[in-house]
Every structure is written in structure tokens, then in C-alpha cells.
């Protein structure tokens, strides 16, 4: 029998934590070993357990997520952490990633995205929800909008941003379609629309654009 992926949740809202536990374990490949109500308890647990992944809130009593993330980065650098939060401030997201967070999801994300984010991070990559990318773009362009790259990016849909990320990761239309549960023809249509919006002529151009503007999983 294959060993299950061990997950540790840190969230001070018990009902929220139990809800996340249910979503994670529904996959059948994962098991939530512990739930910590705050950062200090999370750090205590990490002294005697080595979870494959930690799902952590930011707003917690005793020790918040940012403080906990900084301590994890210092004392348990191999621990992979995904932030689950409703915060979307650019500065806070940057602080969390600078402290070593490998992913960022909103708490209202779909079950499929949560599972995929966990598996992506376990495979050594980072995962940031396309909703976050889109919200940050909208924040940065809510003032005086110019004709620069921010305005162009703001025209992209959530699905287009998602597909752009996977293109930058080198996935084919078929592979992207399988991950997003859509046909490869639909992916091709989105790819064509991306090339028109971003004014590039080929896949290499899309990849260059994605790398330049931070759209990398």
C-alpha cells in the first residue's frame, strides 16, 4: 500500500480547518495528521513530525503566519508551506514568499485547485492561484492606467493566465487540457487568443512574456 501524503494544517478556526481537512482527505492520497491552532503550536509539532506539506493561515493568535513562516524557513528549511488565506495585498504575499512559502491560495478555492497546488509544490515547483495574479494586476492598474504591460495583462481572463503559466512550464496543449479538464482544442483557442492579446507570434514569445512578467508556476 502506497504511503499517503502527510498534511499539517495551521488555522485557528476549527470549522475552517476541519473543512480543509475534509477536502484534502477526499482525494484519498492524503492524510491530515495534525491541526495546529496557531504558529507556535505548528512549530512545536514540527519538532517531532515531518509533514510532506503544511497548509497555513496568516491571521492566527499567539503567533501569526508570517512569524511562523520566518521561523520555519530558519529552523525547518525543508518544510514545504502553502498559504491559505483571504488576504491578497501584494506586500503581504511578497513577505510570505520571501520567507519561503511555496504557494498561495485563497480559502474559497475549489477542491481541485487545492489538491493540484499541493501536488505541484510536492513536485518541487511553486503554485500561486491565478485569482491572486489577476487581483494584484487589478490593484496595480486601478489608478492611472497607461498603455503599458499592466494594461495588457489586465485584459487576460483567469483561464488565460492559468494556461499561460502552464505554457511557461513547457506543457503541451494535451497536458494542459488534462490538468484543467478541458479539451486540447479549447486550450489551443485560448493560446491563440493569448498570442493576439500579447502580440506575440509563437510559443517561444508566450514563454518569454510569461517569464518576464512573473507568470511561472
Protein backbone atom coordinates (compact mmCIF):
# COMPACT_ATOMS: atom_id res chain seq x y z
CA UNK A 1 0.00 0.00 0.00
CA UNK A 2 1.39 3.37 -1.06
CA UNK A 3 2.21 5.78 1.76
CA UNK A 4 -0.20 8.68 1.96
CA UNK A 5 0.91 12.29 1.65
CA UNK A 6 1.04 13.71 5.18
CA UNK A 7 -0.51 17.15 5.61
CA UNK A 8 -0.38 19.51 8.59
CA UNK A 9 -2.94 22.34 8.82
CA UNK A 10 -2.39 25.53 10.83
CA UNK A 11 -5.58 27.56 11.28
CA UNK A 12 -7.21 28.98 14.41
CA UNK A 13 -10.76 28.50 13.10
CA UNK A 14 -11.63 24.89 13.88
CA UNK A 15 -14.52 24.66 11.43
CA UNK A 16 -12.38 26.06 8.62
CA UNK A 17 -9.54 23.67 9.47
CA UNK A 18 -11.92 20.69 9.55
CA UNK A 19 -13.36 21.78 6.21
CA UNK A 20 -9.88 21.92 4.67
CA UNK A 21 -9.11 18.50 6.19
CA UNK A 22 -12.22 17.03 4.54
CA UNK A 23 -11.28 18.48 1.15
CA UNK A 24 -7.70 17.23 1.39
CA UNK A 25 -8.60 13.72 2.52
CA UNK A 26 -11.35 13.38 -0.11
CA UNK A 27 -8.52 12.89 -2.61
CA UNK A 28 -7.72 9.54 -0.98
CA UNK A 29 -3.96 10.05 -1.39
CA UNK A 30 -3.57 12.44 1.53
CA UNK A 31 -3.95 12.33 5.29
CA UNK A 32 -4.12 15.25 7.74
CA UNK A 33 -2.01 14.22 10.72
CA UNK A 34 -2.33 17.32 12.89
CA UNK A 35 -4.20 20.62 13.09
CA UNK A 36 -2.41 23.49 14.85
CA UNK A 37 -4.47 26.46 16.16
CA UNK A 38 -1.56 28.92 15.87
CA UNK A 39 2.02 29.31 14.67
CA UNK A 40 3.65 28.41 17.96
CA UNK A 41 1.89 25.06 18.12
CA UNK A 42 2.80 24.45 14.46
CA UNK A 43 6.48 24.97 15.28
CA UNK A 44 6.19 22.64 18.28
CA UNK A 45 4.68 19.93 16.08
CA UNK A 46 7.46 20.32 13.50
CA UNK A 47 9.96 19.32 16.18
CA UNK A 48 8.71 15.74 16.13
CA UNK A 49 6.87 15.29 12.84
CA UNK A 50 7.90 15.86 9.22
CA UNK A 51 4.78 16.54 7.14
CA UNK A 52 5.04 16.45 3.36
CA UNK A 53 3.14 19.73 3.20
CA UNK A 54 1.89 22.44 5.56
CA UNK A 55 -1.28 24.41 4.79
CA UNK A 56 -1.14 27.61 6.86
CA UNK A 57 -3.36 30.61 7.53
CA UNK A 58 -1.85 34.07 8.07
CA UNK A 59 -4.15 35.53 10.74
CA UNK A 60 -3.64 33.41 13.85
CA UNK A 61 -3.32 34.24 17.58
CA UNK A 62 -0.18 33.67 19.70
CA UNK A 63 2.00 33.56 16.56
CA UNK A 64 0.74 34.62 13.14
CA UNK A 65 1.54 33.01 9.80
CA UNK A 66 4.27 35.45 8.81
CA UNK A 67 6.20 34.96 12.06
CA UNK A 68 5.71 31.20 11.80
CA UNK A 69 6.87 31.19 8.18
CA UNK A 70 10.05 33.04 9.09
CA UNK A 71 10.78 30.52 11.88
CA UNK A 72 10.04 27.57 9.59
CA UNK A 73 12.40 28.98 6.97
CA UNK A 74 15.11 29.33 9.62
CA UNK A 75 14.67 26.10 11.56
CA UNK A 76 12.88 23.72 9.18
CA UNK A 77 14.03 24.83 5.72
CA UNK A 78 12.96 21.60 4.01
CA UNK A 79 9.32 22.07 5.05
CA UNK A 80 7.03 22.98 2.15
CA UNK A 81 4.35 25.53 3.07
CA UNK A 82 1.30 26.67 1.12
CA UNK A 83 -0.51 29.74 2.44
CA UNK A 84 -4.32 29.53 2.61
CA UNK A 85 -5.74 32.99 3.25
CA UNK A 86 -8.25 35.62 2.17
CA UNK A 87 -5.54 38.32 2.08
CA UNK A 88 -4.40 39.49 -1.31
CA UNK A 89 -2.24 42.52 -0.53
CA UNK A 90 0.82 42.48 -2.77
CA UNK A 91 3.20 43.40 0.05
CA UNK A 92 1.97 40.61 2.33
CA UNK A 93 2.15 38.00 -0.42
CA UNK A 94 5.73 39.09 -1.16
CA UNK A 95 6.69 38.88 2.53
CA UNK A 96 5.33 35.34 2.75
CA UNK A 97 7.14 34.19 -0.39
CA UNK A 98 10.35 35.93 0.67
CA UNK A 99 10.09 33.98 3.94
CA UNK A 100 9.91 30.73 1.98
CA UNK A 101 6.23 29.98 1.22
CA UNK A 102 5.95 27.75 -1.85
CA UNK A 103 2.34 28.51 -2.72
CA UNK A 104 -0.58 30.84 -2.12
CA UNK A 105 -4.29 30.01 -2.37
CA UNK A 106 -7.49 31.70 -1.30
CA UNK A 107 -9.61 29.82 1.23
CA UNK A 108 -12.53 29.78 -1.18
CA UNK A 109 -10.51 27.94 -3.86
CA UNK A 110 -12.02 24.87 -5.48
CA UNK A 111 -11.10 21.45 -4.09
CA UNK A 112 -9.39 20.51 -7.37
CA UNK A 113 -7.14 23.57 -7.25
CA UNK A 114 -6.16 22.84 -3.64
CA UNK A 115 -5.20 19.26 -4.49
CA UNK A 116 -3.33 20.35 -7.60
CA UNK A 117 -1.45 23.07 -5.68
CA UNK A 118 -0.31 20.52 -3.09
CA UNK A 119 0.92 18.09 -5.75
CA UNK A 120 2.63 20.90 -7.70
CA UNK A 121 4.57 22.06 -4.61
CA UNK A 122 5.45 18.46 -3.70
CA UNK A 123 6.96 18.12 -7.18
CA UNK A 124 9.37 20.94 -6.40
CA UNK A 125 7.55 23.83 -8.03
CA UNK A 126 5.62 26.81 -6.69
CA UNK A 127 1.91 27.45 -7.08
CA UNK A 128 0.12 30.77 -6.91
CA UNK A 129 -3.57 30.90 -7.77
CA UNK A 130 -4.42 32.76 -10.95
CA UNK A 131 -7.08 34.64 -8.95
CA UNK A 132 -4.29 36.20 -6.89
CA UNK A 133 -2.36 37.21 -10.01
CA UNK A 134 -5.46 38.79 -11.51
CA UNK A 135 -6.39 40.63 -8.30
CA UNK A 136 -2.89 42.05 -7.90
CA UNK A 137 -2.94 43.20 -11.52
CA UNK A 138 -6.29 44.89 -10.97
CA UNK A 139 -4.92 46.59 -7.83
CA UNK A 140 -1.89 47.89 -9.68
CA UNK A 141 -3.97 49.24 -12.57
CA UNK A 142 -6.82 50.76 -10.56
CA UNK A 143 -5.24 54.20 -10.66
CA UNK A 144 -3.97 55.90 -13.79
CA UNK A 145 -3.87 53.17 -16.38
CA UNK A 146 -1.32 53.55 -19.12
CA UNK A 147 -0.90 51.55 -22.31
CA UNK A 148 1.99 49.59 -20.74
CA UNK A 149 2.21 45.88 -19.95
CA UNK A 150 -0.06 46.13 -16.87
CA UNK A 151 -2.97 47.25 -19.05
CA UNK A 152 -2.37 44.39 -21.48
CA UNK A 153 -2.15 41.81 -18.68
CA UNK A 154 -5.36 43.18 -17.14
CA UNK A 155 -7.23 42.10 -20.30
CA UNK A 156 -6.37 38.44 -19.68
CA UNK A 157 -9.00 36.15 -18.20
CA UNK A 158 -8.30 33.87 -15.23
CA UNK A 159 -8.25 30.85 -17.55
CA UNK A 160 -5.84 32.57 -19.97
CA UNK A 161 -3.46 33.37 -17.09
CA UNK A 162 -3.69 29.77 -15.92
CA UNK A 163 -2.87 28.45 -19.40
CA UNK A 164 -0.05 30.97 -19.82
CA UNK A 165 1.53 29.61 -16.62
CA UNK A 166 1.40 26.03 -17.88
CA UNK A 167 2.77 27.02 -21.29
CA UNK A 168 5.70 28.65 -19.49
CA UNK A 169 6.22 25.35 -17.65
CA UNK A 170 6.60 23.61 -21.01
CA UNK A 171 3.34 21.65 -21.06
CA UNK A 172 1.66 20.69 -24.32
CA UNK A 173 -1.97 21.53 -25.20
CA UNK A 174 -2.95 17.95 -24.36
CA UNK A 175 -1.20 18.05 -20.95
CA UNK A 176 -2.73 21.42 -20.09
CA UNK A 177 -6.16 20.16 -21.12
CA UNK A 178 -5.83 17.14 -18.84
CA UNK A 179 -4.87 19.33 -15.87
CA UNK A 180 -7.73 21.79 -16.42
CA UNK A 181 -10.28 19.17 -17.53
CA UNK A 182 -10.83 20.82 -20.92
CA UNK A 183 -10.14 19.64 -24.48
CA UNK A 184 -6.81 20.33 -26.19
CA UNK A 185 -8.77 22.25 -28.86
CA UNK A 186 -10.08 24.61 -26.19
CA UNK A 187 -6.52 25.09 -24.93
CA UNK A 188 -5.45 25.87 -28.49
CA UNK A 189 -8.17 28.52 -28.76
CA UNK A 190 -7.02 30.15 -25.52
CA UNK A 191 -3.41 30.01 -26.73
CA UNK A 192 -4.36 31.76 -29.98
CA UNK A 193 -6.21 34.46 -28.02
CA UNK A 194 -3.18 34.89 -25.74
CA UNK A 195 -0.90 35.43 -28.72
CA UNK A 196 -3.24 38.06 -30.13
CA UNK A 197 -3.59 39.93 -26.82
CA UNK A 198 0.12 39.79 -26.01
CA UNK A 199 1.14 40.49 -29.62
CA UNK A 200 3.48 37.54 -29.98
CA UNK A 201 3.69 35.12 -32.89
CA UNK A 202 4.68 31.80 -31.34
CA UNK A 203 5.01 29.70 -28.19
CA UNK A 204 8.53 30.99 -27.56
CA UNK A 205 7.10 34.52 -27.45
CA UNK A 206 4.47 33.46 -24.91
CA UNK A 207 7.12 31.82 -22.74
CA UNK A 208 9.34 34.91 -22.86
CA UNK A 209 6.39 37.09 -21.91
CA UNK A 210 5.40 34.75 -19.05
CA UNK A 211 8.93 34.72 -17.63
CA UNK A 212 9.36 38.47 -17.94
CA UNK A 213 6.08 39.19 -16.16
CA UNK A 214 6.25 36.54 -13.43
CA UNK A 215 3.66 34.10 -14.77
CA UNK A 216 5.54 30.97 -13.80
CA UNK A 217 4.08 28.14 -11.71
